[in-house]
Protein backbone atom coordinates (compact mmCIF):
# COMPACT_ATOMS: atom_id res chain seq x y z
CA UNK A 1 -27.87 17.95 -13.96
CA UNK A 2 -25.58 14.89 -14.27
CA UNK A 3 -27.76 11.75 -14.64
CA UNK A 4 -26.93 9.26 -12.35
CA UNK A 5 -26.76 5.36 -13.28
CA UNK A 6 -29.68 3.24 -12.58
CA UNK A 7 -29.44 1.60 -8.93
CA UNK A 8 -31.27 -1.56 -10.53
CA UNK A 9 -28.08 -1.85 -12.46
CA UNK A 10 -25.94 -4.59 -11.33
CA UNK A 11 -22.14 -3.34 -10.91
CA UNK A 12 -19.63 -5.85 -12.67
CA UNK A 13 -15.89 -6.13 -11.37
CA UNK A 14 -14.90 -3.69 -14.65
CA UNK A 15 -17.53 -1.12 -13.07
CA UNK A 16 -15.64 -1.23 -9.71
CA UNK A 17 -12.89 1.17 -8.64
CA UNK A 18 -9.33 -0.20 -8.39
CA UNK A 19 -7.66 -0.43 -5.00
CA UNK A 20 -3.94 -1.19 -5.37
CA UNK A 21 -2.59 -1.97 -1.69
CA UNK A 22 0.99 -1.79 -1.51
CA UNK A 23 1.87 -3.36 2.02
CA UNK A 24 4.98 -5.08 3.99
CA UNK A 25 7.64 -4.39 6.43
CA UNK A 26 9.44 -1.04 6.90
CA UNK A 27 12.26 -0.65 4.65
CA UNK A 28 11.27 -2.81 2.12
CA UNK A 29 10.77 -0.48 -0.82
CA UNK A 30 7.05 0.06 -0.56
CA UNK A 31 7.23 4.07 -0.90
CA UNK A 32 9.60 3.58 -4.23
CA UNK A 33 7.12 1.45 -5.87
CA UNK A 34 3.86 2.67 -4.96
CA UNK A 35 4.77 6.20 -6.03
CA UNK A 36 6.17 4.91 -8.98
CA UNK A 37 2.83 2.61 -9.96
CA UNK A 38 0.57 5.70 -9.01
CA UNK A 39 2.35 7.84 -11.59
CA UNK A 40 1.85 5.07 -13.94
CA UNK A 41 -1.57 4.59 -13.71
CA UNK A 42 -2.47 8.29 -13.00
CA UNK A 43 -3.94 7.54 -9.68
CA UNK A 44 -3.58 9.48 -6.38
CA UNK A 45 -1.47 7.89 -3.99
CA UNK A 46 -2.68 7.58 -0.13
CA UNK A 47 0.72 6.85 1.86
CA UNK A 48 0.96 6.55 5.44
CA UNK A 49 3.97 8.31 6.51
CA UNK A 50 3.44 11.52 4.74
CA UNK A 51 0.15 12.09 6.38
CA UNK A 52 1.86 11.02 9.69
CA UNK A 53 4.60 13.73 9.32
CA UNK A 54 1.82 16.37 8.39
CA UNK A 55 -0.11 15.57 11.31
CA UNK A 56 3.10 15.88 13.65
CA UNK A 57 3.89 19.10 11.92
CA UNK A 58 0.62 20.50 12.71
CA UNK A 59 0.13 18.99 15.97
CA UNK A 60 3.20 18.89 17.51
CA UNK A 61 4.49 16.61 20.08
CA UNK A 62 7.55 14.25 20.53
CA UNK A 63 8.57 10.89 22.21
CA UNK A 64 8.30 7.15 20.68
CA UNK A 65 4.67 6.78 22.66
CA UNK A 66 3.49 9.85 20.66
CA UNK A 67 4.47 8.54 17.51
CA UNK A 68 3.02 5.30 17.90
CA UNK A 69 -0.32 7.21 18.70
CA UNK A 70 0.06 9.45 15.95
CA UNK A 71 0.53 6.35 13.84
CA UNK A 72 -2.92 5.09 14.88
CA UNK A 73 -4.55 8.13 14.18
CA UNK A 74 -3.17 8.26 10.74
CA UNK A 75 -4.27 4.82 9.95
CA UNK A 76 -7.76 6.16 10.76
CA UNK A 77 -7.25 8.75 8.44
CA UNK A 78 -6.03 6.89 5.49
CA UNK A 79 -9.13 4.41 5.90
CA UNK A 80 -11.34 7.84 6.23
CA UNK A 81 -9.72 8.92 2.87
CA UNK A 82 -10.13 5.45 1.14
CA UNK A 83 -13.51 5.16 2.11
CA UNK A 84 -14.58 8.35 0.43
CA UNK A 85 -12.75 7.82 -2.78
CA UNK A 86 -13.95 4.47 -3.37
CA UNK A 87 -17.49 5.36 -2.50
CA UNK A 88 -17.02 7.83 -5.31
CA UNK A 89 -15.63 5.13 -7.53
CA UNK A 90 -12.37 6.96 -7.39
CA UNK A 91 -9.20 4.28 -8.25
CA UNK A 92 -6.80 4.90 -5.98
CA UNK A 93 -3.16 3.75 -4.59
CA UNK A 94 -2.44 3.18 -0.69
CA UNK A 95 0.75 2.34 0.95
CA UNK A 96 1.82 1.81 4.58
CA UNK A 97 3.03 -1.17 6.57
CA UNK A 98 -0.91 -2.52 7.00
CA UNK A 99 -1.04 -4.80 9.79
CA UNK A 100 -4.63 -5.88 9.57
CA UNK A 101 -7.13 -6.81 6.94
CA UNK A 102 -10.23 -5.63 8.50
CA UNK A 103 -10.17 -2.08 7.76
CA UNK A 104 -9.81 -3.03 4.28
CA UNK A 105 -12.96 -5.27 4.24
CA UNK A 106 -14.94 -2.25 5.51
CA UNK A 107 -14.31 -0.27 2.46
CA UNK A 108 -16.89 -0.20 -0.25
CA UNK A 109 -16.46 -2.62 -2.88
CA UNK A 110 -13.09 -2.58 -5.24
CA UNK A 111 -11.20 -4.57 -7.34
CA UNK A 112 -8.18 -5.12 -5.03
CA UNK A 113 -4.47 -5.66 -6.19
CA UNK A 114 -2.45 -6.20 -3.15
CA UNK A 115 1.42 -5.86 -3.79
CA UNK A 116 3.35 -7.48 -0.66
CA UNK A 117 6.88 -5.86 -0.91
CA UNK A 118 9.54 -7.58 1.39
CA UNK A 119 12.93 -8.34 1.84
CA UNK A 120 15.83 -10.34 3.74
CA UNK A 121 16.21 -9.62 7.25
CA UNK A 122 19.54 -8.20 6.55
CA UNK A 123 18.51 -6.23 3.76
CA UNK A 124 15.82 -4.46 5.80
CA UNK A 125 18.45 -3.98 8.54
CA UNK A 126 21.02 -2.33 6.30
CA UNK A 127 18.67 -0.03 4.54
CA UNK A 128 17.16 1.06 7.59
CA UNK A 129 21.03 2.32 8.90
CA UNK A 130 21.97 3.77 5.70
CA UNK A 131 19.08 5.56 4.28
CA UNK A 132 18.92 9.29 4.41
CA UNK A 133 17.49 11.01 7.53
CA UNK A 134 13.55 10.78 7.39
CA UNK A 135 11.22 13.08 9.62
CA UNK A 136 11.82 13.22 13.30
CA UNK A 137 8.48 11.67 14.07
CA UNK A 138 9.74 7.89 12.91
CA UNK A 139 12.45 7.42 15.48
CA UNK A 140 14.15 5.12 13.11
CA UNK A 141 17.49 4.97 14.92
CA UNK A 142 15.69 3.56 18.08
CA UNK A 143 13.34 1.19 16.46
CA UNK A 144 15.67 -0.44 13.98
CA UNK A 145 16.23 -3.69 16.00
CA UNK A 146 12.74 -3.95 16.92
CA UNK A 147 11.17 -3.47 13.25
CA UNK A 148 13.31 -5.74 11.74
CA UNK A 149 12.89 -8.52 14.47
CA UNK A 150 9.19 -7.86 14.05
CA UNK A 151 9.83 -8.35 10.09
CA UNK A 152 11.66 -11.44 10.47
CA UNK A 153 8.67 -12.89 12.95
CA UNK A 154 6.16 -12.02 10.35
CA UNK A 155 4.54 -8.95 11.54
CA UNK A 156 3.70 -7.73 8.16
CA UNK A 157 2.94 -10.61 5.90
CA UNK A 158 0.11 -10.37 2.97
CA UNK A 159 -3.10 -9.32 4.41
CA UNK A 160 -6.11 -11.75 3.52
CA UNK A 161 -8.04 -9.76 1.38
CA UNK A 162 -10.09 -10.56 -2.00
CA UNK A 163 -8.32 -10.02 -5.18
CA UNK A 164 -5.14 -10.65 -6.47
CA UNK A 165 -1.74 -11.05 -4.50
CA UNK A 166 1.81 -10.27 -5.98
CA UNK A 167 4.53 -10.97 -4.07
CA UNK A 168 7.80 -8.78 -4.74
CA UNK A 169 11.10 -9.32 -3.04
CA UNK A 170 13.31 -6.48 -3.14
CA UNK A 171 16.30 -8.03 -1.63
CA UNK A 172 17.92 -7.06 -5.20
CA UNK A 173 15.81 -4.12 -5.78
CA UNK A 174 14.29 -4.17 -9.06
CA UNK A 175 13.94 -1.85 -11.94
CA UNK A 176 11.19 0.09 -10.71
CA UNK A 177 10.17 1.51 -14.20
CA UNK A 178 10.17 -1.91 -15.56
CA UNK A 179 8.26 -3.35 -12.57
CA UNK A 180 5.53 -0.35 -12.53
CA UNK A 181 5.26 -0.85 -16.42
CA UNK A 182 4.55 -4.45 -16.48
CA UNK A 183 2.07 -4.10 -13.27
CA UNK A 184 0.00 -1.32 -15.30
CA UNK A 185 0.19 -3.80 -18.46
CA UNK A 186 -1.20 -6.49 -16.23
CA UNK A 187 -4.31 -4.50 -14.83
CA UNK A 188 -4.92 -3.15 -18.29
CA UNK A 189 -5.20 -6.92 -19.64
CA UNK A 190 -7.05 -8.33 -16.53
CA UNK A 191 -9.62 -5.60 -16.96
CA UNK A 192 -10.40 -6.10 -20.44
CA UNK A 193 -10.92 -9.81 -19.81
CA UNK A 194 -7.55 -11.04 -21.34
CA UNK A 195 -5.37 -13.25 -19.56
CA UNK A 196 -2.54 -11.46 -17.58
CA UNK A 197 0.84 -12.37 -18.84
CA UNK A 198 3.20 -14.56 -16.45
CA UNK A 199 6.11 -13.78 -14.71
CA UNK A 200 4.63 -12.36 -11.21
CA UNK A 201 4.65 -14.87 -8.12
CA UNK A 202 1.32 -14.23 -7.12
CA UNK A 203 -1.77 -16.35 -5.37
CA UNK A 204 -5.12 -16.69 -6.49
CA UNK A 205 -8.06 -14.54 -5.04
CA UNK A 206 -9.15 -15.67 -1.52
């Protein structure tokens, strides 16, 4: 039988699991950065799009309205999995075009690092039109103008979350291996109580 940690012991920040939230507008490069960072940290990645595609393959359906409904269900699934992992003190990286902070605030306590990945409107539009065809559930060709206009209007601004916010502009795409190595080093230094090295545009915890 594994002894449980005393409930009377107050948890410190270093005891809490890490939750890395990679968010921002579509086609900004979130998936590329989140995938590389999760691998660098050795953490599971809970990403919206692969779950949505899996649900579509299992349930079927077609049309933009069905895709929208499936997207809502996918976000519910993402937060259910995050809740289970954090409740069991498992650190995790999550990625998606999250638009609301409230579901994150309802999760168990965690050390939060939010990476807001964005790019100029013209760069996002170009990536939509030139990237390889994705799963049919996304309807990229039909939504490119709508989504780029929403991004320009501020639909996917940084979330009002506790913890640290780092903003990454991918208009000129960064060296992903170098970026993720720097982020991993920063997390390690902050957990050990050492000042994190400068170099990232960021905001203080809210």
